[in-house]
Structures are given as C-alpha cells and as structure tokens.
Amino acid sequence: MSKNILLIGAGLIVAGAACSTRSAPPAERQIAVPMLGTAGAPTTSRDDLTKTIAGMESKLASNPGDAVAAVTLADALLRQARVTGNAALAFRAERALGRVLAGQPDHHHARRMLAAVQLSQHRFRDAIRTAERALQARRDDAWLMGVLGDAHLELGQYEEAFAAFETMGRLRPDAAAYARASYARELQGDWHGAIDFMEMALEATSARDPESLAWHHAQLGQLYLAIDRTSDARREFRHAEFAFPGHPAAGEGLARAMTAAGEHAAALARVRVQLSQAPSPSLLALSGDLLSALGRADEAEAQYRLAEAAWQTDAPEPARLALFLAERGRRIDDAVQLAERAAADRTDIFTTDALAWAYFKAGRLDDAQTAITRALRTGSRDRAIQQHASAIAAAVRERTRR
C-alpha cells in the first residue's frame, strides 16, 4: 500500500521552514512560525516533543487565540502521532487550530497547518480545499504545494500531484521537496532516482530534527529492501534507530528486513517490541504472518483478528484491510466490498491493486484485469503490484487456452 500518510502528511513537516511573506500585502503579514527542528525552534527528539506539547498546551490554556502556540502544538502532535501510532493526536491539533481560525480566519500559518492535519486524517479533499484557500494569499508557499501534492497523490490524481511537487522543488529545494521527488520517482518505477533523492533529503535534514532523520533513513531502507539490497536496508534502519531510538519506522523496517532474510523468530521478537510501543494494523498483520511461518497457527489467527479490528476502527483503511483479507484468503466477499468502497473514493494505484486482487481471489477475472491495468498506469515496479499483475495475466492466458 501507499506509504503511511504521515510520511507524506508529516513529511511536509519534516523540513518545512516558515513560508515566505513576499506575496502577502503588508497588512496581512504575520509572525512566521518556525517549524520544529529548524533554527529558533525546539528539536524533534522524543523528550523535546513531549515538552513542546506540554508547553504549548499550557500557553493555549491561558490564551486559546495564540496562533504561534497552536501551530507549534499541531506540528509537535503530528510528529508525536507518527512515533506513537496514536491517530487521535491529530484531533487535538485540529481543535487548537480551529480556535485560532475562529478568531483569525485569514491566519496563514494556522490554515496551512490545518491542511496538514486534515491530510493526516485522510481527509484529502478537505486538505486540498484548505491548501488552495491558503495558496490564494501566498502562491510562493512551497510547503503548501507539498500539502496539495500529497492530497492529490493519495486520491490517485498523479498529474496534479507531480506538478505540485515540481513547483515545490522549484520554489524551495529542501529535504521535504527531495522526499517528495523520491516518492514520485518510486511511483514511476525509477528505484535509483528514488534512492538518489532520498539521500538528498537526508543530507538536507538538520541534526536538530532527529525524528525526520530517522524517518528519511527508514524510507531509504525501504527503498533498498524493495530492490533486495537487504544489508543496505538494515544499515539504514539501524541509522534510523540511532537517530531516534524507538522510532516505529526503524523497528518495523528491521523486522521486515529480517523477515525477508528468513529470520522469523528474530523478526517476531522485534515486532513484539514495536507492538508494545507503537501498535499498528500492519505490525499486527506481520506478527500473524511470522507466527504462521513458525507453525503457531492459533496465535497467528489471534493477531490476524486484531489486525482486522484495527483496520476497521483504530486506523480505518478499507483498501488495506481488503488487500490483507484477499492475500490471506479470508472473507473474500468482504474483501471485494471493502475494496470497491475504497476505490469509489480514491483511485491511487495501491487502492486499485487491492481491488484487482480482491476480484482475482473472488474469481472475477475480467474485473481483476481491468483494475490491475489501472494499478500499473504510473509504471510502478512495486513488488506486490507486479506479482498480482503476473498472476492475473497468467490466469487470463490460461483461460484463453481452454
């Protein structure tokens, strides 16, 4: 599936500096809010994130209209959500920003951060509307172009997404822009270009931003893992762990690298540590797969049930749940319904791939062929999509020979 939205959603926070005020009329100029991890702002270490949240909430308790405190709080809460898996933190961020915007509806920094919050909540169309409104005042805000591109990307609107990312890079070539360029290359099947841009993102990230350093190292590790450079992947995941101890992207990445190497017991031990710190549906599913590989079927089933429940309630993602069910041959009719519902809302290649595989497992070969063709439209070389495409094509050939 697509990268966790907090790669893209908080990825815009990764290295976003305060936006330019050059295009704003003098009467509308506002105090720029430095993003966490940049000069003049707290670092993004685990301790500093906790301190920043407490400090900003204290300020807002006495002055709910403090825009600087609200924006800084939202930044820290989205970061905290990424490292804890607690999606509810985004709602706290939204409430703080909402109070500011109720009294200052044209506050640019609060509105642009609201777009990021909406993105993290998978409210992609809301994020587009909010970002476009803010861009009317400041067309040269590169950070907002990243938000806009992220939202279009998640909806499967790739031309609009890639155009926004190109504009972002032209306006401000920084770590956030390089990370997006990396993902655009990945989606188009250019692994080496994706790696190059992610390395550039790492080089452009400040040492004051250890959470972003960890995230970028982990994304680089995932790219290496995708092309079977397992030792390079492990190195990057370990760098991520060093930069921000306990970062879930580092722990899960190491577990997947171990799994790829057949080290199931070691991978399971790593997953259990991660589940105790930052549980997620994907980790629960991986735990089930590892237990199954170790011959512990009953325990695996328990983890699968927890994963299903989490994808339905804690982190509702119907496409990911549909793919999970289809890949494991569980409740195929439900998988089809879930995938169809997801595809009615968004047409990104990962949602479309989930739909194709659910159709395939349900024996609806023509529908599967149509859907997988859509999933291949960007040129992605994602391993799961390619494997699904090969299986569907083989089934079509077999049917033709009959």
Protein backbone atom coordinates (compact mmCIF):
# COMPACT_ATOMS: atom_id res chain seq x y z
CA MET A 1 0.00 0.00 0.00
CA SER A 2 0.99 3.64 -0.16
CA LYS A 3 3.41 4.91 2.39
CA ASN A 4 1.90 5.75 5.73
CA ILE A 5 0.20 9.11 5.31
CA LEU A 6 2.47 10.54 7.92
CA LEU A 7 5.35 10.09 5.56
CA ILE A 8 3.62 12.43 3.25
CA GLY A 9 1.50 14.35 5.71
CA ALA A 10 4.14 14.88 8.34
CA GLY A 11 6.74 14.63 5.61
CA LEU A 12 5.71 18.15 4.78
CA ILE A 13 6.60 18.94 8.38
CA VAL A 14 9.89 17.12 8.01
CA ALA A 15 11.87 20.10 6.83
CA GLY A 16 9.29 22.78 6.22
CA ALA A 17 10.59 26.21 7.05
CA ALA A 18 8.38 29.19 7.69
CA CYS A 19 6.80 30.32 4.45
CA SER A 20 7.74 33.44 2.61
CA THR A 21 5.73 36.60 3.19
CA ARG A 22 6.85 38.29 -0.03
CA SER A 23 3.50 37.87 -1.77
CA ALA A 24 1.37 38.96 1.19
CA PRO A 25 0.15 42.58 1.41
CA PRO A 26 1.78 44.42 4.33
CA ALA A 27 -1.44 44.47 6.38
CA GLU A 28 -1.61 40.69 6.22
CA ARG A 29 1.94 39.99 7.25
CA GLN A 30 2.10 37.72 10.26
CA ILE A 31 4.78 36.41 12.56
CA ALA A 32 6.37 33.40 10.85
CA VAL A 33 6.21 30.22 12.91
CA PRO A 34 9.48 28.25 12.70
CA MET A 35 8.88 24.54 12.23
CA LEU A 36 10.22 22.12 14.79
CA GLY A 37 13.78 21.06 14.14
CA THR A 38 14.72 24.35 12.48
CA ALA A 39 16.73 27.25 13.88
CA GLY A 40 14.86 29.04 16.65
CA ALA A 41 12.52 26.11 17.36
CA PRO A 42 12.75 23.10 19.68
CA THR A 43 14.35 19.92 18.39
CA THR A 44 12.27 16.88 17.49
CA SER A 45 13.78 14.45 19.96
CA ARG A 46 11.26 12.34 21.87
CA ASP A 47 11.79 14.36 25.06
CA ASP A 48 11.52 17.69 23.28
CA LEU A 49 8.32 16.68 21.51
CA THR A 50 6.76 15.87 24.88
CA LYS A 51 8.00 19.13 26.40
CA THR A 52 6.82 21.17 23.42
CA ILE A 53 3.33 19.68 23.58
CA ALA A 54 3.04 20.37 27.31
CA GLY A 55 4.41 23.90 26.93
CA MET A 56 2.19 24.88 24.03
CA GLU A 57 -0.93 23.43 25.66
CA SER A 58 -0.14 25.45 28.77
CA LYS A 59 0.08 28.63 26.71
CA LEU A 60 -3.17 27.87 24.92
CA ALA A 61 -4.97 27.20 28.18
CA SER A 62 -4.47 30.84 29.11
CA ASN A 63 -4.73 32.23 25.58
CA PRO A 64 -6.59 29.97 23.09
CA GLY A 65 -6.00 32.51 20.32
CA ASP A 66 -2.21 32.24 20.49
CA ALA A 67 -1.56 31.30 16.86
CA VAL A 68 2.15 30.61 17.28
CA ALA A 69 1.46 28.20 20.14
CA ALA A 70 -1.34 26.47 18.22
CA VAL A 71 0.75 25.95 15.09
CA THR A 72 3.74 24.73 17.10
CA LEU A 73 1.49 22.39 19.08
CA ALA A 74 -0.05 20.96 15.90
CA ASP A 75 3.41 20.38 14.43
CA ALA A 76 4.51 18.52 17.57
CA LEU A 77 1.29 16.49 17.81
CA LEU A 78 1.55 15.27 14.22
CA ARG A 79 5.14 14.25 14.91
CA GLN A 80 4.06 12.52 18.10
CA ALA A 81 1.34 10.69 16.19
CA ARG A 82 3.95 9.37 13.79
CA VAL A 83 6.15 7.96 16.52
CA THR A 84 3.39 6.59 18.75
CA GLY A 85 0.77 5.45 16.26
CA ASN A 86 -1.84 7.50 18.14
CA ALA A 87 -4.02 8.97 15.39
CA ALA A 88 -6.21 10.74 17.97
CA LEU A 89 -3.47 13.33 18.47
CA ALA A 90 -4.42 14.90 15.15
CA PHE A 91 -7.84 15.80 16.53
CA ARG A 92 -6.18 17.71 19.38
CA ALA A 93 -4.17 19.59 16.77
CA GLU A 94 -7.31 20.38 14.77
CA ARG A 95 -9.12 21.74 17.82
CA ALA A 96 -6.26 24.08 18.69
CA LEU A 97 -6.03 25.40 15.13
CA GLY A 98 -9.81 25.73 14.91
CA ARG A 99 -9.91 28.01 17.93
CA VAL A 100 -7.31 30.29 16.34
CA LEU A 101 -9.03 30.36 12.95
CA ALA A 102 -12.38 31.12 14.55
CA GLY A 103 -10.99 34.48 15.63
CA GLN A 104 -8.41 34.92 12.86
CA PRO A 105 -9.87 33.23 9.75
CA ASP A 106 -7.10 34.51 7.49
CA HIS A 107 -4.18 33.43 9.66
CA HIS A 108 -1.99 31.83 7.04
CA HIS A 109 0.23 29.70 9.25
CA ALA A 110 -2.71 28.23 11.15
CA ARG A 111 -4.59 27.45 7.93
CA ARG A 112 -1.62 25.81 6.24
CA MET A 113 -1.08 23.62 9.30
CA LEU A 114 -4.77 22.74 9.30
CA ALA A 115 -4.33 21.39 5.78
CA ALA A 116 -1.55 19.13 7.06
CA VAL A 117 -3.76 17.91 9.90
CA GLN A 118 -6.60 17.11 7.50
CA LEU A 119 -4.15 15.22 5.32
CA SER A 120 -3.03 13.13 8.29
CA GLN A 121 -6.67 12.26 8.93
CA HIS A 122 -7.10 11.04 5.33
CA ARG A 123 -9.47 13.93 4.62
CA PHE A 124 -7.77 14.52 1.32
CA ARG A 125 -10.40 16.68 -0.37
CA ASP A 126 -10.66 18.89 2.72
CA ALA A 127 -6.87 19.24 2.68
CA ILE A 128 -6.96 20.29 -0.97
CA ARG A 129 -9.63 22.92 -0.31
CA THR A 130 -7.79 24.27 2.73
CA ALA A 131 -4.44 24.36 0.94
CA GLU A 132 -5.91 26.05 -2.13
CA ARG A 133 -7.54 28.71 0.03
CA ALA A 134 -4.25 29.43 1.76
CA LEU A 135 -2.40 29.46 -1.57
CA GLN A 136 -4.66 32.23 -2.82
CA ALA A 137 -2.85 34.55 -0.43
CA ARG A 138 0.66 33.17 -0.94
CA ARG A 139 1.29 31.44 -4.21
CA ASP A 140 5.00 31.08 -3.43
CA ASP A 141 4.45 28.90 -0.34
CA ALA A 142 6.40 25.77 -1.28
CA TRP A 143 5.35 23.96 1.88
CA LEU A 144 1.69 24.27 0.89
CA MET A 145 2.45 22.95 -2.58
CA GLY A 146 3.71 19.84 -0.81
CA VAL A 147 0.43 19.50 1.09
CA LEU A 148 -1.55 19.95 -2.09
CA GLY A 149 0.56 17.39 -3.95
CA ASP A 150 0.28 14.87 -1.13
CA ALA A 151 -3.50 15.07 -1.12
CA HIS A 152 -3.76 14.69 -4.90
CA LEU A 153 -1.34 11.77 -4.73
CA GLU A 154 -3.43 9.88 -2.19
CA LEU A 155 -6.53 10.34 -4.35
CA GLY A 156 -4.71 8.94 -7.37
CA GLN A 157 -4.57 12.29 -9.15
CA TYR A 158 -0.97 11.85 -10.21
CA GLU A 159 -0.61 14.58 -12.81
CA GLU A 160 -1.76 17.19 -10.32
CA ALA A 161 0.43 15.69 -7.58
CA PHE A 162 3.60 15.56 -9.64
CA ALA A 163 3.03 19.10 -10.92
CA ALA A 164 2.66 20.36 -7.34
CA PHE A 165 5.85 18.58 -6.28
CA GLU A 166 7.73 20.05 -9.24
CA THR A 167 6.57 23.53 -8.24
CA MET A 168 7.54 22.85 -4.65
CA GLY A 169 11.06 21.85 -5.65
CA ARG A 170 11.43 24.88 -7.87
CA LEU A 171 10.28 27.27 -5.13
CA ARG A 172 12.28 25.72 -2.29
CA PRO A 173 14.56 22.73 -2.93
CA ASP A 174 14.84 21.33 0.59
CA ALA A 175 14.52 17.99 2.37
CA ALA A 176 10.72 17.98 2.15
CA ALA A 177 10.84 18.62 -1.58
CA TYR A 178 13.51 15.96 -2.15
CA ALA A 179 11.49 13.37 -0.21
CA ARG A 180 8.50 14.02 -2.43
CA ALA A 181 10.61 13.83 -5.55
CA SER A 182 11.86 10.48 -4.27
CA TYR A 183 8.35 9.13 -3.85
CA ALA A 184 7.33 10.42 -7.28
CA ARG A 185 10.26 8.54 -8.83
CA GLU A 186 9.35 5.41 -6.86
CA LEU A 187 5.76 5.54 -8.09
CA GLN A 188 7.05 5.74 -11.66
CA GLY A 189 9.36 2.75 -11.28
CA ASP A 190 12.64 4.65 -11.00
CA TRP A 191 14.22 2.99 -7.96
CA HIS A 192 17.65 4.53 -8.42
CA GLY A 193 16.23 8.03 -8.86
CA ALA A 194 14.13 7.50 -5.74
CA ILE A 195 17.20 6.46 -3.77
CA ASP A 196 19.20 9.44 -5.00
CA PHE A 197 16.52 11.91 -3.98
CA MET A 198 16.01 10.28 -0.59
CA GLU A 199 19.76 10.54 0.05
CA MET A 200 19.50 14.23 -0.83
CA ALA A 201 16.64 14.58 1.63
CA LEU A 202 18.81 13.04 4.33
CA GLU A 203 21.71 15.36 3.57
CA ALA A 204 19.41 18.39 3.73
CA THR A 205 17.89 17.47 7.11
CA SER A 206 19.20 19.28 10.16
CA ALA A 207 20.73 17.42 13.09
CA ARG A 208 18.19 19.36 15.17
CA ASP A 209 15.50 17.23 13.56
CA PRO A 210 16.27 13.65 14.67
CA GLU A 211 12.71 12.46 14.07
CA SER A 212 12.95 13.44 10.40
CA LEU A 213 16.43 11.96 10.13
CA ALA A 214 15.06 8.67 11.41
CA TRP A 215 12.12 8.82 9.03
CA HIS A 216 14.32 9.51 5.99
CA HIS A 217 16.77 6.75 6.92
CA ALA A 218 13.84 4.35 7.27
CA GLN A 219 12.41 5.36 3.89
CA LEU A 220 15.81 4.83 2.31
CA GLY A 221 15.90 1.43 3.97
CA GLN A 222 12.52 0.55 2.46
CA LEU A 223 13.79 1.51 -0.98
CA TYR A 224 16.82 -0.74 -0.57
CA LEU A 225 14.61 -3.54 0.69
CA ALA A 226 12.42 -3.22 -2.40
CA ILE A 227 15.39 -3.94 -4.66
CA ASP A 228 16.73 -6.76 -2.45
CA ARG A 229 19.69 -4.84 -1.08
CA THR A 230 18.97 -6.23 2.37
CA SER A 231 22.27 -5.36 4.02
CA ASP A 232 21.97 -1.73 2.87
CA ALA A 233 18.39 -1.70 4.13
CA ARG A 234 19.44 -2.96 7.57
CA ARG A 235 22.12 -0.29 7.76
CA GLU A 236 19.60 2.47 7.10
CA PHE A 237 17.09 1.09 9.60
CA ARG A 238 19.85 0.97 12.23
CA HIS A 239 20.77 4.58 11.41
CA ALA A 240 17.11 5.46 11.92
CA GLU A 241 17.08 3.71 15.28
CA PHE A 242 20.24 5.58 16.31
CA ALA A 243 18.85 8.96 15.25
CA PHE A 244 15.56 8.48 17.11
CA PRO A 245 15.58 5.45 19.42
CA GLY A 246 12.33 3.54 19.26
CA HIS A 247 11.10 5.13 16.04
CA PRO A 248 8.42 2.75 14.69
CA ALA A 249 9.58 3.10 11.09
CA ALA A 250 13.01 1.85 12.15
CA GLY A 251 11.68 -1.09 14.17
CA GLU A 252 9.21 -2.26 11.57
CA GLY A 253 11.78 -1.85 8.83
CA LEU A 254 14.28 -4.04 10.66
CA ALA A 255 11.58 -6.65 11.25
CA ARG A 256 10.73 -6.72 7.55
CA ALA A 257 14.40 -6.99 6.61
CA MET A 258 14.73 -9.95 8.99
CA THR A 259 11.60 -11.50 7.52
CA ALA A 260 13.00 -11.16 4.01
CA ALA A 261 16.12 -13.00 5.19
CA GLY A 262 14.05 -15.82 6.71
CA GLU A 263 14.90 -14.82 10.30
CA HIS A 264 11.34 -15.30 11.50
CA ALA A 265 11.98 -15.72 15.23
CA ALA A 266 14.20 -12.63 15.41
CA ALA A 267 11.72 -10.63 13.35
CA LEU A 268 8.88 -11.67 15.65
CA ALA A 269 10.83 -10.54 18.70
CA ARG A 270 11.39 -7.16 17.08
CA VAL A 271 7.71 -6.86 16.12
CA ARG A 272 6.61 -7.60 19.67
CA VAL A 273 8.77 -4.78 20.98
CA GLN A 274 7.24 -2.43 18.43
CA LEU A 275 3.71 -3.53 19.24
CA SER A 276 4.30 -2.68 22.89
CA GLN A 277 5.45 0.83 21.96
CA ALA A 278 3.53 1.91 18.84
CA PRO A 279 0.96 -0.69 17.74
CA SER A 280 -0.41 -0.60 14.21
CA PRO A 281 -2.53 -2.87 11.99
CA SER A 282 0.39 -3.58 9.67
CA LEU A 283 2.53 -4.73 12.60
CA LEU A 284 -0.25 -6.99 13.84
CA ALA A 285 -0.58 -8.50 10.38
CA LEU A 286 3.18 -9.02 10.16
CA SER A 287 3.12 -10.65 13.60
CA GLY A 288 0.46 -13.05 12.34
CA ASP A 289 2.48 -13.88 9.24
CA LEU A 290 5.58 -14.60 11.32
CA LEU A 291 3.68 -16.77 13.76
CA SER A 292 2.18 -18.67 10.84
CA ALA A 293 5.63 -19.20 9.34
CA LEU A 294 6.76 -20.56 12.71
CA GLY A 295 3.87 -23.03 12.74
CA ARG A 296 1.93 -21.28 15.50
CA ALA A 297 -1.42 -21.12 13.70
CA ASP A 298 -3.68 -20.33 16.66
CA GLU A 299 -1.52 -17.42 17.77
CA ALA A 300 -1.33 -16.20 14.18
CA GLU A 301 -5.12 -16.21 13.91
CA ALA A 302 -5.40 -14.12 17.07
CA GLN A 303 -3.06 -11.50 15.58
CA TYR A 304 -4.94 -11.50 12.29
CA ARG A 305 -8.20 -10.82 14.11
CA LEU A 306 -6.60 -7.92 15.95
CA ALA A 307 -5.26 -6.53 12.67
CA GLU A 308 -8.70 -6.70 11.08
CA ALA A 309 -10.26 -4.91 14.03
CA ALA A 310 -7.60 -2.20 14.00
CA TRP A 311 -8.06 -1.53 10.27
CA GLN A 312 -11.77 -1.18 10.92
CA THR A 313 -11.71 1.06 13.99
CA ASP A 314 -8.34 2.41 15.17
CA ALA A 315 -6.99 3.22 11.70
CA PRO A 316 -9.83 2.75 9.21
CA GLU A 317 -8.30 1.90 5.85
CA PRO A 318 -10.69 -0.24 3.80
CA ALA A 319 -8.26 -0.78 0.93
CA ARG A 320 -5.51 -2.07 3.20
CA LEU A 321 -7.96 -4.31 5.00
CA ALA A 322 -9.29 -5.60 1.67
CA LEU A 323 -5.78 -6.45 0.50
CA PHE A 324 -4.97 -8.10 3.82
CA LEU A 325 -8.05 -10.31 3.54
CA ALA A 326 -7.50 -11.16 -0.12
CA GLU A 327 -3.83 -12.00 0.29
CA ARG A 328 -4.63 -14.42 3.10
CA GLY A 329 -7.80 -15.87 1.60
CA ARG A 330 -10.04 -14.55 4.35
CA ARG A 331 -13.64 -13.40 3.81
CA ILE A 332 -13.20 -12.73 0.10
CA ASP A 333 -16.71 -11.31 -0.37
CA ASP A 334 -15.97 -8.76 2.34
CA ALA A 335 -12.63 -8.00 0.71
CA VAL A 336 -14.37 -7.20 -2.58
CA GLN A 337 -16.92 -4.93 -0.90
CA LEU A 338 -14.25 -3.10 1.06
CA ALA A 339 -12.06 -2.61 -1.99
CA GLU A 340 -14.97 -1.39 -4.11
CA ARG A 341 -15.93 1.10 -1.43
CA ALA A 342 -12.36 2.38 -1.20
CA ALA A 343 -11.98 2.60 -4.98
CA ALA A 344 -15.17 4.66 -5.21
CA ASP A 345 -13.43 7.32 -3.11
CA ARG A 346 -9.85 7.20 -4.38
CA THR A 347 -8.10 5.73 -7.40
CA ASP A 348 -4.45 5.61 -6.37
CA ILE A 349 -2.54 2.60 -7.65
CA PHE A 350 -2.46 0.82 -4.29
CA THR A 351 -6.21 1.04 -3.77
CA THR A 352 -6.74 -0.12 -7.35
CA ASP A 353 -4.31 -3.01 -6.81
CA ALA A 354 -6.25 -4.07 -3.71
CA LEU A 355 -9.42 -4.04 -5.81
CA ALA A 356 -7.76 -6.10 -8.54
CA TRP A 357 -6.53 -8.75 -6.12
CA ALA A 358 -9.87 -9.00 -4.32
CA TYR A 359 -11.58 -9.52 -7.69
CA PHE A 360 -8.99 -12.11 -8.64
CA LYS A 361 -9.49 -14.07 -5.44
CA ALA A 362 -13.26 -13.88 -5.99
CA GLY A 363 -12.86 -15.39 -9.47
CA ARG A 364 -13.86 -12.18 -11.28
CA LEU A 365 -11.01 -12.30 -13.77
CA ASP A 366 -12.23 -9.64 -16.22
CA ASP A 367 -12.77 -7.15 -13.41
CA ALA A 368 -9.36 -8.04 -11.99
CA GLN A 369 -7.70 -7.44 -15.34
CA THR A 370 -9.33 -4.03 -15.72
CA ALA A 371 -8.34 -2.98 -12.22
CA ILE A 372 -4.73 -4.17 -12.41
CA THR A 373 -4.26 -2.26 -15.67
CA ARG A 374 -5.19 0.88 -13.74
CA ALA A 375 -2.81 -0.08 -10.95
CA LEU A 376 0.07 -0.30 -13.43
CA ARG A 377 -0.59 3.07 -15.04
CA THR A 378 2.26 5.01 -13.38
CA GLY A 379 4.93 2.46 -14.26
CA SER A 380 5.37 1.41 -10.63
CA ARG A 381 7.60 -1.59 -10.02
CA ASP A 382 6.11 -2.22 -6.59
CA ARG A 383 6.67 -5.91 -5.91
CA ALA A 384 3.13 -6.73 -4.77
CA ILE A 385 1.53 -4.96 -7.72
CA GLN A 386 3.87 -6.69 -10.16
CA GLN A 387 3.21 -10.10 -8.61
CA HIS A 388 -0.53 -9.56 -8.75
CA ALA A 389 -0.30 -8.40 -12.36
CA SER A 390 1.70 -11.51 -13.30
CA ALA A 391 -0.79 -13.85 -11.63
CA ILE A 392 -3.76 -12.17 -13.28
CA ALA A 393 -2.07 -12.22 -16.69
CA ALA A 394 -1.24 -15.91 -16.29
CA ALA A 395 -4.85 -16.69 -15.42
CA VAL A 396 -6.06 -14.78 -18.48
CA ARG A 397 -3.67 -16.74 -20.72
CA GLU A 398 -4.78 -20.00 -19.18
CA ARG A 399 -8.41 -19.15 -19.78
CA THR A 400 -7.65 -18.26 -23.39
CA ARG A 401 -6.01 -21.65 -23.99
CA ARG A 402 -9.02 -23.59 -22.77
